[in-house]
Amino acid sequence: DGNDLAAAERARRAAETELAAARKRLQDLLAKGDATKEELDRAMRDLARAEDELRRAQDLIARLKARIAELEDELRRLRADMGKSQQQQEDWLSEQLRKKRLEEEEARRRRED
């Protein structure tokens, strides 16, 4: 659904922003040189969490796009089927009219004879 895809895209953008921030925090800690092990561990966990969040958002987007493509294919197929069905109905009606004209013509000929 389009709303789901838009929400997933927003989540992806938020995850990208968080990932960039987590990378910057880790780089700043490393550049500082006197960061504690706990600070570095926390920064690494934040970075891993942000990467996972981005990966999940990208996976969801891929699944939603695949589902949208499937639904579009199904819609094209249904429209084609409807077109065929409508043509068959028109052909049947045309044949019924042709038969009725022939019957009327035959009945008129019999009356004239």
N, C-alpha and C. Protein backbone atom coordinates (compact mmCIF):
# COMPACT_ATOMS: atom_id res chain seq x y z
N ASP A 1 0.85 -1.17 0.00
CA ASP A 1 0.00 0.00 0.00
C ASP A 1 0.89 1.23 0.00
N GLY A 2 0.44 2.28 -0.66
CA GLY A 2 1.23 3.49 -0.78
C GLY A 2 1.55 4.14 0.55
N ASN A 3 0.59 4.11 1.49
CA ASN A 3 0.84 4.70 2.80
C ASN A 3 1.91 3.91 3.55
N ASP A 4 1.85 2.59 3.46
CA ASP A 4 2.86 1.75 4.11
C ASP A 4 4.24 2.03 3.53
N LEU A 5 4.29 2.19 2.21
CA LEU A 5 5.57 2.46 1.56
C LEU A 5 6.10 3.83 1.99
N ALA A 6 5.23 4.81 2.05
CA ALA A 6 5.66 6.15 2.49
C ALA A 6 6.17 6.09 3.93
N ALA A 7 5.50 5.35 4.77
CA ALA A 7 5.93 5.21 6.17
C ALA A 7 7.28 4.50 6.23
N ALA A 8 7.46 3.47 5.41
CA ALA A 8 8.72 2.74 5.38
C ALA A 8 9.85 3.64 4.87
N GLU A 9 9.55 4.48 3.88
CA GLU A 9 10.56 5.42 3.37
C GLU A 9 10.95 6.42 4.46
N ARG A 10 9.96 6.89 5.22
CA ARG A 10 10.26 7.81 6.32
C ARG A 10 11.12 7.11 7.37
N ALA A 11 10.81 5.86 7.67
CA ALA A 11 11.60 5.09 8.64
C ALA A 11 13.02 4.90 8.13
N ARG A 12 13.17 4.66 6.84
CA ARG A 12 14.50 4.51 6.25
C ARG A 12 15.30 5.80 6.39
N ARG A 13 14.66 6.93 6.08
CA ARG A 13 15.37 8.21 6.20
C ARG A 13 15.77 8.48 7.65
N ALA A 14 14.87 8.16 8.58
CA ALA A 14 15.18 8.34 10.01
C ALA A 14 16.34 7.42 10.41
N ALA A 15 16.34 6.19 9.92
CA ALA A 15 17.41 5.25 10.23
C ALA A 15 18.73 5.72 9.64
N GLU A 16 18.69 6.27 8.43
CA GLU A 16 19.92 6.80 7.83
C GLU A 16 20.47 7.95 8.65
N THR A 17 19.58 8.82 9.13
CA THR A 17 20.00 9.95 9.96
C THR A 17 20.61 9.45 11.26
N GLU A 18 19.95 8.48 11.89
CA GLU A 18 20.46 7.92 13.15
C GLU A 18 21.80 7.22 12.93
N LEU A 19 21.94 6.52 11.81
CA LEU A 19 23.20 5.84 11.51
C LEU A 19 24.33 6.86 11.34
N ALA A 20 24.05 7.93 10.63
CA ALA A 20 25.07 8.97 10.45
C ALA A 20 25.46 9.57 11.80
N ALA A 21 24.47 9.79 12.66
CA ALA A 21 24.76 10.36 13.98
C ALA A 21 25.57 9.37 14.83
N ALA A 22 25.23 8.09 14.77
CA ALA A 22 25.96 7.08 15.54
C ALA A 22 27.41 6.98 15.05
N ARG A 23 27.59 7.04 13.74
CA ARG A 23 28.97 7.01 13.19
C ARG A 23 29.77 8.21 13.67
N LYS A 24 29.11 9.39 13.65
CA LYS A 24 29.80 10.61 14.08
C LYS A 24 30.17 10.53 15.55
N ARG A 25 29.24 10.02 16.38
CA ARG A 25 29.54 9.89 17.82
C ARG A 25 30.74 8.98 18.04
N LEU A 26 30.77 7.85 17.31
CA LEU A 26 31.89 6.92 17.45
C LEU A 26 33.19 7.55 16.97
N GLN A 27 33.15 8.23 15.84
CA GLN A 27 34.35 8.90 15.32
C GLN A 27 34.85 9.97 16.29
N ASP A 28 33.90 10.71 16.87
CA ASP A 28 34.29 11.75 17.82
C ASP A 28 34.96 11.14 19.06
N LEU A 29 34.39 10.01 19.53
CA LEU A 29 34.99 9.33 20.68
C LEU A 29 36.40 8.83 20.35
N LEU A 30 36.53 8.25 19.16
CA LEU A 30 37.85 7.73 18.76
C LEU A 30 38.85 8.87 18.59
N ALA A 31 38.36 9.99 18.05
CA ALA A 31 39.25 11.14 17.84
C ALA A 31 39.67 11.77 19.16
N LYS A 32 38.75 11.70 20.13
CA LYS A 32 39.03 12.28 21.45
C LYS A 32 40.22 11.59 22.11
N GLY A 33 40.30 10.30 21.90
CA GLY A 33 41.46 9.56 22.39
C GLY A 33 41.39 9.12 23.84
N ASP A 34 40.58 9.76 24.65
CA ASP A 34 40.53 9.36 26.06
C ASP A 34 39.16 8.81 26.45
N ALA A 35 38.44 8.26 25.47
CA ALA A 35 37.12 7.68 25.74
C ALA A 35 37.28 6.40 26.54
N THR A 36 36.31 6.17 27.41
CA THR A 36 36.34 4.95 28.21
C THR A 36 35.86 3.77 27.36
N LYS A 37 36.18 2.59 27.85
CA LYS A 37 35.73 1.37 27.18
C LYS A 37 34.21 1.34 27.11
N GLU A 38 33.54 1.76 28.20
CA GLU A 38 32.08 1.77 28.24
C GLU A 38 31.50 2.72 27.19
N GLU A 39 32.12 3.90 27.04
CA GLU A 39 31.65 4.86 26.04
C GLU A 39 31.79 4.28 24.63
N LEU A 40 32.94 3.66 24.38
CA LEU A 40 33.16 3.06 23.06
C LEU A 40 32.21 1.89 22.82
N ASP A 41 32.00 1.06 23.83
CA ASP A 41 31.06 -0.07 23.69
C ASP A 41 29.65 0.44 23.39
N ARG A 42 29.23 1.46 24.13
CA ARG A 42 27.90 2.02 23.92
C ARG A 42 27.78 2.59 22.50
N ALA A 43 28.81 3.30 22.07
CA ALA A 43 28.80 3.87 20.73
C ALA A 43 28.74 2.78 19.66
N MET A 44 29.48 1.69 19.89
CA MET A 44 29.47 0.56 18.94
C MET A 44 28.09 -0.10 18.91
N ARG A 45 27.47 -0.27 20.08
CA ARG A 45 26.12 -0.85 20.13
C ARG A 45 25.11 0.06 19.43
N ASP A 46 25.23 1.36 19.66
CA ASP A 46 24.34 2.32 18.99
C ASP A 46 24.51 2.25 17.47
N LEU A 47 25.76 2.14 17.04
CA LEU A 47 26.04 2.03 15.61
C LEU A 47 25.44 0.74 15.04
N ALA A 48 25.64 -0.37 15.72
CA ALA A 48 25.09 -1.66 15.26
C ALA A 48 23.57 -1.60 15.22
N ARG A 49 22.96 -1.00 16.25
CA ARG A 49 21.50 -0.89 16.30
C ARG A 49 20.99 -0.03 15.14
N ALA A 50 21.69 1.08 14.86
CA ALA A 50 21.29 1.95 13.75
C ALA A 50 21.43 1.23 12.40
N GLU A 51 22.50 0.45 12.25
CA GLU A 51 22.67 -0.33 11.01
C GLU A 51 21.56 -1.36 10.85
N ASP A 52 21.20 -2.03 11.95
CA ASP A 52 20.11 -3.01 11.90
C ASP A 52 18.78 -2.34 11.55
N GLU A 53 18.54 -1.19 12.14
CA GLU A 53 17.29 -0.45 11.88
C GLU A 53 17.21 -0.06 10.40
N LEU A 54 18.32 0.39 9.86
CA LEU A 54 18.36 0.76 8.44
C LEU A 54 18.13 -0.48 7.57
N ARG A 55 18.77 -1.57 7.90
CA ARG A 55 18.62 -2.81 7.14
C ARG A 55 17.15 -3.27 7.17
N ARG A 56 16.52 -3.20 8.35
CA ARG A 56 15.10 -3.59 8.46
C ARG A 56 14.22 -2.69 7.60
N ALA A 57 14.48 -1.40 7.65
CA ALA A 57 13.69 -0.46 6.85
C ALA A 57 13.86 -0.74 5.36
N GLN A 58 15.10 -1.00 4.94
CA GLN A 58 15.35 -1.29 3.52
C GLN A 58 14.69 -2.60 3.11
N ASP A 59 14.73 -3.60 3.98
CA ASP A 59 14.07 -4.88 3.69
C ASP A 59 12.57 -4.69 3.55
N LEU A 60 11.98 -3.92 4.45
CA LEU A 60 10.54 -3.66 4.39
C LEU A 60 10.18 -2.94 3.09
N ILE A 61 10.98 -1.96 2.72
CA ILE A 61 10.73 -1.24 1.47
C ILE A 61 10.80 -2.20 0.29
N ALA A 62 11.79 -3.05 0.27
CA ALA A 62 11.93 -4.02 -0.83
C ALA A 62 10.71 -4.94 -0.89
N ARG A 63 10.26 -5.43 0.29
CA ARG A 63 9.09 -6.31 0.31
C ARG A 63 7.84 -5.58 -0.16
N LEU A 64 7.67 -4.33 0.29
CA LEU A 64 6.50 -3.56 -0.12
C LEU A 64 6.52 -3.28 -1.63
N LYS A 65 7.68 -2.95 -2.15
CA LYS A 65 7.78 -2.69 -3.59
C LYS A 65 7.50 -3.95 -4.39
N ALA A 66 7.98 -5.09 -3.90
CA ALA A 66 7.69 -6.36 -4.57
C ALA A 66 6.20 -6.66 -4.54
N ARG A 67 5.56 -6.40 -3.41
CA ARG A 67 4.12 -6.63 -3.28
C ARG A 67 3.33 -5.69 -4.18
N ILE A 68 3.77 -4.44 -4.26
CA ILE A 68 3.12 -3.48 -5.16
C ILE A 68 3.23 -3.96 -6.60
N ALA A 69 4.41 -4.45 -6.98
CA ALA A 69 4.60 -4.97 -8.34
C ALA A 69 3.67 -6.16 -8.60
N GLU A 70 3.55 -7.05 -7.60
CA GLU A 70 2.64 -8.20 -7.75
C GLU A 70 1.20 -7.73 -7.94
N LEU A 71 0.79 -6.75 -7.15
CA LEU A 71 -0.58 -6.24 -7.24
C LEU A 71 -0.82 -5.54 -8.58
N GLU A 72 0.18 -4.82 -9.06
CA GLU A 72 0.05 -4.17 -10.37
C GLU A 72 -0.08 -5.21 -11.48
N ASP A 73 0.70 -6.29 -11.39
CA ASP A 73 0.59 -7.38 -12.37
C ASP A 73 -0.80 -8.01 -12.32
N GLU A 74 -1.30 -8.25 -11.11
CA GLU A 74 -2.62 -8.84 -10.94
C GLU A 74 -3.69 -7.91 -11.51
N LEU A 75 -3.54 -6.62 -11.28
CA LEU A 75 -4.50 -5.65 -11.81
C LEU A 75 -4.48 -5.65 -13.33
N ARG A 76 -3.29 -5.70 -13.93
CA ARG A 76 -3.19 -5.76 -15.40
C ARG A 76 -3.87 -7.03 -15.92
N ARG A 77 -3.64 -8.15 -15.23
CA ARG A 77 -4.25 -9.40 -15.65
C ARG A 77 -5.77 -9.33 -15.55
N LEU A 78 -6.26 -8.79 -14.45
CA LEU A 78 -7.71 -8.68 -14.27
C LEU A 78 -8.34 -7.76 -15.31
N ARG A 79 -7.65 -6.67 -15.61
CA ARG A 79 -8.17 -5.75 -16.64
C ARG A 79 -8.21 -6.45 -18.00
N ALA A 80 -7.17 -7.22 -18.28
CA ALA A 80 -7.14 -7.95 -19.56
C ALA A 80 -8.28 -8.97 -19.59
N ASP A 81 -8.48 -9.68 -18.48
CA ASP A 81 -9.58 -10.65 -18.41
C ASP A 81 -10.92 -9.97 -18.57
N MET A 82 -11.08 -8.80 -17.95
CA MET A 82 -12.34 -8.06 -18.09
C MET A 82 -12.56 -7.66 -19.54
N GLY A 83 -11.49 -7.23 -20.19
CA GLY A 83 -11.60 -6.84 -21.60
C GLY A 83 -12.02 -8.02 -22.46
N LYS A 84 -11.42 -9.19 -22.20
CA LYS A 84 -11.79 -10.40 -22.95
C LYS A 84 -13.24 -10.76 -22.68
N SER A 85 -13.63 -10.71 -21.42
CA SER A 85 -14.99 -11.07 -21.02
C SER A 85 -15.99 -10.13 -21.68
N GLN A 86 -15.67 -8.85 -21.67
CA GLN A 86 -16.56 -7.86 -22.30
C GLN A 86 -16.66 -8.13 -23.80
N GLN A 87 -15.54 -8.45 -24.44
CA GLN A 87 -15.55 -8.75 -25.88
C GLN A 87 -16.38 -10.00 -26.15
N GLN A 88 -16.23 -11.01 -25.30
CA GLN A 88 -17.02 -12.23 -25.48
C GLN A 88 -18.51 -11.93 -25.34
N GLN A 89 -18.85 -11.10 -24.38
CA GLN A 89 -20.26 -10.74 -24.18
C GLN A 89 -20.79 -9.96 -25.40
N GLU A 90 -19.98 -9.04 -25.91
CA GLU A 90 -20.40 -8.29 -27.09
C GLU A 90 -20.55 -9.23 -28.29
N ASP A 91 -19.64 -10.17 -28.45
CA ASP A 91 -19.73 -11.14 -29.54
C ASP A 91 -21.00 -11.98 -29.40
N TRP A 92 -21.31 -12.43 -28.19
CA TRP A 92 -22.50 -13.24 -27.95
C TRP A 92 -23.76 -12.43 -28.28
N LEU A 93 -23.82 -11.19 -27.82
CA LEU A 93 -24.98 -10.34 -28.11
C LEU A 93 -25.12 -10.10 -29.61
N SER A 94 -24.01 -9.87 -30.27
CA SER A 94 -24.03 -9.67 -31.71
C SER A 94 -24.57 -10.91 -32.42
N GLU A 95 -24.13 -12.08 -31.97
CA GLU A 95 -24.61 -13.34 -32.55
C GLU A 95 -26.10 -13.52 -32.30
N GLN A 96 -26.56 -13.16 -31.11
CA GLN A 96 -28.00 -13.28 -30.81
C GLN A 96 -28.81 -12.35 -31.71
N LEU A 97 -28.32 -11.14 -31.92
CA LEU A 97 -29.02 -10.20 -32.82
C LEU A 97 -29.05 -10.73 -34.25
N ARG A 98 -27.92 -11.29 -34.68
CA ARG A 98 -27.86 -11.85 -36.03
C ARG A 98 -28.87 -12.99 -36.18
N LYS A 99 -28.94 -13.89 -35.19
CA LYS A 99 -29.89 -15.00 -35.24
C LYS A 99 -31.33 -14.49 -35.26
N LYS A 100 -31.60 -13.47 -34.44
CA LYS A 100 -32.94 -12.92 -34.39
C LYS A 100 -33.33 -12.31 -35.73
N ARG A 101 -32.42 -11.58 -36.36
CA ARG A 101 -32.70 -11.00 -37.69
C ARG A 101 -32.96 -12.11 -38.70
N LEU A 102 -32.15 -13.18 -38.65
CA LEU A 102 -32.37 -14.29 -39.58
C LEU A 102 -33.74 -14.93 -39.36
N GLU A 103 -34.10 -15.13 -38.09
CA GLU A 103 -35.41 -15.71 -37.78
C GLU A 103 -36.54 -14.81 -38.25
N GLU A 104 -36.41 -13.51 -38.03
CA GLU A 104 -37.44 -12.57 -38.46
C GLU A 104 -37.54 -12.55 -39.99
N GLU A 105 -36.38 -12.59 -40.64
CA GLU A 105 -36.36 -12.61 -42.10
C GLU A 105 -37.03 -13.88 -42.63
N GLU A 106 -36.71 -15.01 -41.99
CA GLU A 106 -37.31 -16.30 -42.39
C GLU A 106 -38.81 -16.28 -42.16
N ALA A 107 -39.24 -15.73 -41.04
CA ALA A 107 -40.68 -15.64 -40.74
C ALA A 107 -41.36 -14.74 -41.76
N ARG A 108 -40.77 -13.64 -42.14
CA ARG A 108 -41.35 -12.73 -43.14
C ARG A 108 -41.46 -13.44 -44.49
N ARG A 109 -40.42 -14.19 -44.86
CA ARG A 109 -40.45 -14.93 -46.13
C ARG A 109 -41.57 -15.94 -46.14
N ARG A 110 -41.77 -16.63 -45.01
CA ARG A 110 -42.83 -17.63 -44.94
C ARG A 110 -44.20 -16.98 -45.08
N ARG A 111 -44.34 -15.79 -44.47
CA ARG A 111 -45.63 -15.09 -44.57
C ARG A 111 -45.89 -14.64 -46.01
N GLU A 112 -44.79 -14.24 -46.69
CA GLU A 112 -44.93 -13.77 -48.07
C GLU A 112 -45.24 -14.91 -49.02
N ASP A 113 -44.81 -16.11 -48.67
CA ASP A 113 -45.03 -17.26 -49.56
C ASP A 113 -46.38 -17.81 -49.44
